[in-house]
Every structure is written in structure tokens, then in C-alpha cells.
Amino acid sequence: MTAHHRIRTAFLATSITALAALGGCSKSAETEATPSLSSPMTLGTQVDDAVITSSVKSVLVADDLVKSLDLQVETRKGVVQLSGYVDSLAQIDQAVSLTRAVAGVAGVENAITLKGSPSTVGTAIDDTTVTGRVKAALLSDPGIKSFDISVLTHQGEVQLTGFVNSQAQIEQAGKLAAAAEGASSVKNELMIKQ
């Protein structure tokens, strides 16, 4: 893939993400009635965060050391949270370095974890099942119901990342993840929205 093609692909991905963010910005009456513990996000901030997320994902995919990794990228008010499982410290360092270099990034929260022993096909299927159970539990809990929580599982260890409204939501998400069948441990990296 040529550099020109990569730039065009990154621009297209960024544009699509920004449009999707604009389309999803309408609030229901229920959302407006719920007080937020964090400072309000403007439409501009949401679009900027979507563009930053898309840009970070683009540079990570384009890099030979980290391109094949399944890293999660979340952004809130310019702070990027990276999570996932990798094979080496060099991959973590490279991902963080590339993320810091993206325009608009105000800070990087590194929640990337080193893998233990290699996974088997059976373990990967089990991990996918555990991830699905945790996501379902989080979405069905009336105190959380968040699409802002990323769930990854590696050899039974569940990793939670993203942004929530309160410490109570962080604790509840951790309890729900720990209770999921097949979860051996929980690494709770959730952050309170600023």
C-alpha cells in the first residue's frame, strides 16, 4: 500500500468516524434528565475525540510492529486510553509513542498488558465467550448500561477499560466482570470521566 493510499484511507476513516459521531449526538429525554458527574462534553469535543481515536487507530495499523495487534483505543477530551494484550514491552512502547505523536492527543493512559503463555484456539473461543458474558452483564445493569466500556479477555483474565461517571460504576463493573462464568480474574482500568 502506497503512502498516498494510506493517507487517503486514514482520511476516509476519520471522516466516517466524525460523521458517525455527529449522527449519534442526539439526546433522549431520559439522557437529558440524568445529571452528569463530569463536566459537559460539547459536540465539538465529541467530534475531536472521534477524530483522535480514528487517527490513533490508523497510525497503529500502519506500524509494522503493532499493526496486527488487537488494541482498543478510547478517547475522552483528548486523553487516549490504550488497552489490549501484546507479546512484548517493545510493542507497548511503540504503541504509546505513536499515540503521543498524534495531533490533538492531550495524554495517554496505558492499560496494555503483556500476554502470559500463548493462547490455543480453545482458549481464544473461551475468552470470546467470557467477553460476551461480561458485555451482556454490563449492558443489562441499570446502574451502568455503558457502551463506553471496552472488554477484552485473555486466558480468562478480563480487562475493563474506558470512561464511566463514578467510582460506584467502576466497582460495579468489576463485580459484574468477576461474576461472569469463565472469568478467572479482572483487571479494572476504568476511569472516571473528567
Protein backbone atom coordinates (compact mmCIF):
# COMPACT_ATOMS: atom_id res chain seq x y z
CA MET A 1 0.00 0.00 0.00
CA THR A 2 1.47 3.36 -1.00
CA ALA A 3 1.83 6.24 1.43
CA HIS A 4 -0.71 8.21 -0.61
CA HIS A 5 -3.20 5.35 -0.36
CA ARG A 6 -2.65 5.07 3.43
CA ILE A 7 -3.27 8.81 3.87
CA ARG A 8 -6.45 8.63 1.80
CA THR A 9 -7.62 5.58 3.78
CA ALA A 10 -6.86 7.31 7.11
CA PHE A 11 -8.69 10.46 5.95
CA LEU A 12 -11.70 8.41 4.85
CA ALA A 13 -11.79 6.50 8.16
CA THR A 14 -11.51 9.76 10.10
CA SER A 15 -14.30 11.37 8.09
CA ILE A 16 -16.62 8.40 8.55
CA THR A 17 -15.94 8.31 12.29
CA ALA A 18 -16.60 12.05 12.61
CA LEU A 19 -19.89 11.74 10.72
CA ALA A 20 -20.93 8.79 12.88
CA ALA A 21 -20.16 10.82 16.00
CA LEU A 22 -22.29 13.70 14.68
CA GLY A 23 -25.17 11.34 13.95
CA GLY A 24 -25.06 9.82 17.41
CA CYS A 25 -25.12 13.11 19.31
CA SER A 26 -28.87 13.45 19.77
CA LYS A 27 -30.05 13.05 23.35
CA SER A 28 -33.18 11.34 24.55
CA ALA A 29 -35.35 12.90 27.26
CA GLU A 30 -34.10 10.24 29.67
CA THR A 31 -30.47 11.16 29.00
CA GLU A 32 -31.12 14.88 29.46
CA ALA A 33 -32.88 14.28 32.78
CA THR A 34 -29.95 12.33 34.22
CA PRO A 35 -27.40 14.62 35.87
CA SER A 36 -23.80 14.01 34.89
CA LEU A 37 -21.00 13.91 37.41
CA SER A 38 -18.49 15.05 34.81
CA SER A 39 -18.18 18.34 33.01
CA PRO A 40 -20.32 18.51 29.87
CA MET A 41 -18.94 17.37 26.53
CA THR A 42 -19.65 19.63 23.60
CA LEU A 43 -20.37 18.40 20.10
CA GLY A 44 -17.00 19.76 19.04
CA THR A 45 -15.21 17.81 21.77
CA GLN A 46 -17.01 14.60 20.79
CA VAL A 47 -16.06 15.07 17.14
CA ASP A 48 -12.46 15.90 18.09
CA ASP A 49 -12.28 12.76 20.26
CA ALA A 50 -13.67 10.64 17.41
CA VAL A 51 -11.09 12.09 15.02
CA ILE A 52 -8.27 11.47 17.53
CA THR A 53 -9.44 7.86 18.08
CA SER A 54 -9.57 7.25 14.34
CA SER A 55 -6.16 8.85 13.79
CA VAL A 56 -4.56 6.77 16.56
CA LYS A 57 -6.06 3.56 15.17
CA SER A 58 -4.75 4.48 11.70
CA VAL A 59 -1.16 5.05 12.88
CA LEU A 60 -1.21 1.86 14.95
CA VAL A 61 -2.42 -0.24 12.00
CA ALA A 62 0.16 1.34 9.69
CA ASP A 63 3.09 0.48 12.00
CA ASP A 64 4.85 -2.83 11.32
CA LEU A 65 5.46 -3.62 15.00
CA VAL A 66 1.89 -3.09 16.22
CA LYS A 67 -0.30 -3.38 13.10
CA SER A 68 -1.55 -6.88 13.77
CA LEU A 69 -2.34 -6.28 17.44
CA ASP A 70 -5.88 -6.13 18.75
CA LEU A 71 -5.59 -2.88 20.70
CA GLN A 72 -8.56 -0.91 21.93
CA VAL A 73 -8.46 2.89 21.65
CA GLU A 74 -10.80 5.16 23.63
CA THR A 75 -10.59 8.95 23.78
CA ARG A 76 -12.20 11.46 26.12
CA LYS A 77 -11.33 15.16 25.95
CA GLY A 78 -8.08 14.38 24.19
CA VAL A 79 -6.92 11.74 26.67
CA VAL A 80 -6.39 8.44 24.87
CA GLN A 81 -6.68 5.15 26.73
CA LEU A 82 -4.94 2.19 25.11
CA SER A 83 -5.78 -1.37 26.17
CA GLY A 84 -5.31 -4.90 24.98
CA TYR A 85 -2.80 -7.73 25.17
CA VAL A 86 0.60 -7.79 23.43
CA ASP A 87 3.65 -10.04 23.27
CA SER A 88 6.45 -7.61 24.20
CA LEU A 89 7.35 -4.40 26.00
CA ALA A 90 8.63 -3.05 22.67
CA GLN A 91 5.08 -3.27 21.28
CA ILE A 92 3.72 -1.37 24.29
CA ASP A 93 6.40 1.32 24.00
CA GLN A 94 5.80 1.69 20.26
CA ALA A 95 2.01 1.95 20.65
CA VAL A 96 2.32 4.61 23.36
CA SER A 97 4.95 6.55 21.39
CA LEU A 98 2.87 6.53 18.19
CA THR A 99 -0.23 7.62 20.11
CA ARG A 100 1.54 10.55 21.79
CA ALA A 101 2.65 11.80 18.35
CA VAL A 102 -0.93 12.10 17.02
CA ALA A 103 -2.21 15.67 16.74
CA GLY A 104 -4.71 16.58 19.46
CA VAL A 105 -3.65 13.92 21.97
CA ALA A 106 -3.52 15.59 25.40
CA GLY A 107 -2.36 12.49 27.26
CA VAL A 108 -2.05 8.72 27.05
CA GLU A 109 -3.32 6.24 29.65
CA ASN A 110 -1.54 2.95 29.02
CA ALA A 111 -3.60 -0.09 30.04
CA ILE A 112 -1.88 -2.50 27.64
CA THR A 113 -0.98 -5.83 29.26
CA LEU A 114 1.69 -8.37 28.37
CA LYS A 115 0.35 -11.78 27.42
CA GLY A 116 1.37 -14.76 29.50
CA SER A 117 1.72 -18.09 27.75
CA PRO A 118 0.42 -18.42 24.17
CA SER A 119 -3.30 -18.96 23.65
CA THR A 120 -4.77 -22.01 21.98
CA VAL A 121 -7.80 -21.98 19.68
CA GLY A 122 -9.91 -23.36 22.54
CA THR A 123 -8.71 -20.64 24.90
CA ALA A 124 -9.46 -17.95 22.32
CA ILE A 125 -13.02 -19.26 21.90
CA ASP A 126 -13.49 -19.42 25.68
CA ASP A 127 -12.14 -15.87 26.01
CA THR A 128 -14.61 -14.65 23.39
CA THR A 129 -17.44 -16.28 25.33
CA VAL A 130 -16.32 -14.67 28.60
CA THR A 131 -16.06 -11.28 26.88
CA GLY A 132 -19.63 -11.66 25.57
CA ARG A 133 -20.93 -12.60 29.02
CA VAL A 134 -19.27 -9.59 30.64
CA LYS A 135 -20.55 -7.19 27.96
CA ALA A 136 -24.08 -8.56 28.34
CA ALA A 137 -23.92 -8.15 32.13
CA LEU A 138 -22.66 -4.56 31.83
CA LEU A 139 -25.35 -3.58 29.33
CA SER A 140 -28.15 -5.13 31.37
CA ASP A 141 -27.15 -3.46 34.65
CA PRO A 142 -29.32 -0.32 35.08
CA GLY A 143 -26.56 1.43 37.05
CA ILE A 144 -24.02 1.09 34.23
CA LYS A 145 -25.60 0.44 30.78
CA SER A 146 -22.48 1.78 29.13
CA PHE A 147 -21.20 1.42 25.62
CA ASP A 148 -18.11 3.34 26.81
CA ILE A 149 -16.63 0.24 28.47
CA SER A 150 -14.28 -1.92 26.45
CA VAL A 151 -13.97 -5.57 27.46
CA LEU A 152 -11.08 -7.81 26.44
CA THR A 153 -10.30 -11.29 27.76
CA HIS A 154 -7.03 -13.22 27.55
CA GLN A 155 -6.78 -16.68 29.13
CA GLY A 156 -9.68 -15.88 31.44
CA GLU A 157 -8.33 -12.52 32.62
CA VAL A 158 -10.91 -9.84 31.86
CA GLN A 159 -9.65 -6.33 31.18
CA LEU A 160 -12.08 -3.42 31.54
CA THR A 161 -11.16 -0.04 30.06
CA GLY A 162 -13.00 3.14 29.16
CA PHE A 163 -14.69 6.04 30.87
CA VAL A 164 -17.62 5.96 33.34
CA ASN A 165 -19.40 8.51 35.54
CA SER A 166 -18.44 7.40 39.05
CA GLN A 167 -16.35 5.21 41.33
CA ALA A 168 -19.51 3.23 42.09
CA GLN A 169 -19.81 2.32 38.39
CA ILE A 170 -16.15 1.25 38.33
CA GLU A 171 -16.71 -1.03 41.32
CA GLN A 172 -19.99 -2.44 39.97
CA ALA A 173 -18.42 -3.17 36.57
CA GLY A 174 -15.59 -5.02 38.31
CA LYS A 175 -18.05 -7.11 40.34
CA LEU A 176 -20.08 -7.99 37.25
CA ALA A 177 -16.96 -8.99 35.32
CA ALA A 178 -15.67 -11.12 38.19
CA ALA A 179 -19.04 -12.89 38.43
CA ALA A 180 -19.06 -13.84 34.73
CA GLU A 181 -18.70 -17.57 34.18
CA GLY A 182 -15.18 -18.34 32.96
CA ALA A 183 -13.57 -15.14 34.28
CA SER A 184 -10.50 -16.09 36.31
CA SER A 185 -9.52 -12.51 37.24
CA VAL A 186 -10.36 -8.91 36.43
CA LYS A 187 -8.01 -6.06 35.59
CA ASN A 188 -10.18 -2.98 36.08
CA GLU A 189 -8.65 0.01 34.27
CA LEU A 190 -11.86 2.07 34.08
CA MET A 191 -11.52 5.82 34.58
CA ILE A 192 -13.97 8.46 35.78
CA LYS A 193 -14.98 10.95 33.10
CA GLN A 194 -13.38 14.36 33.66
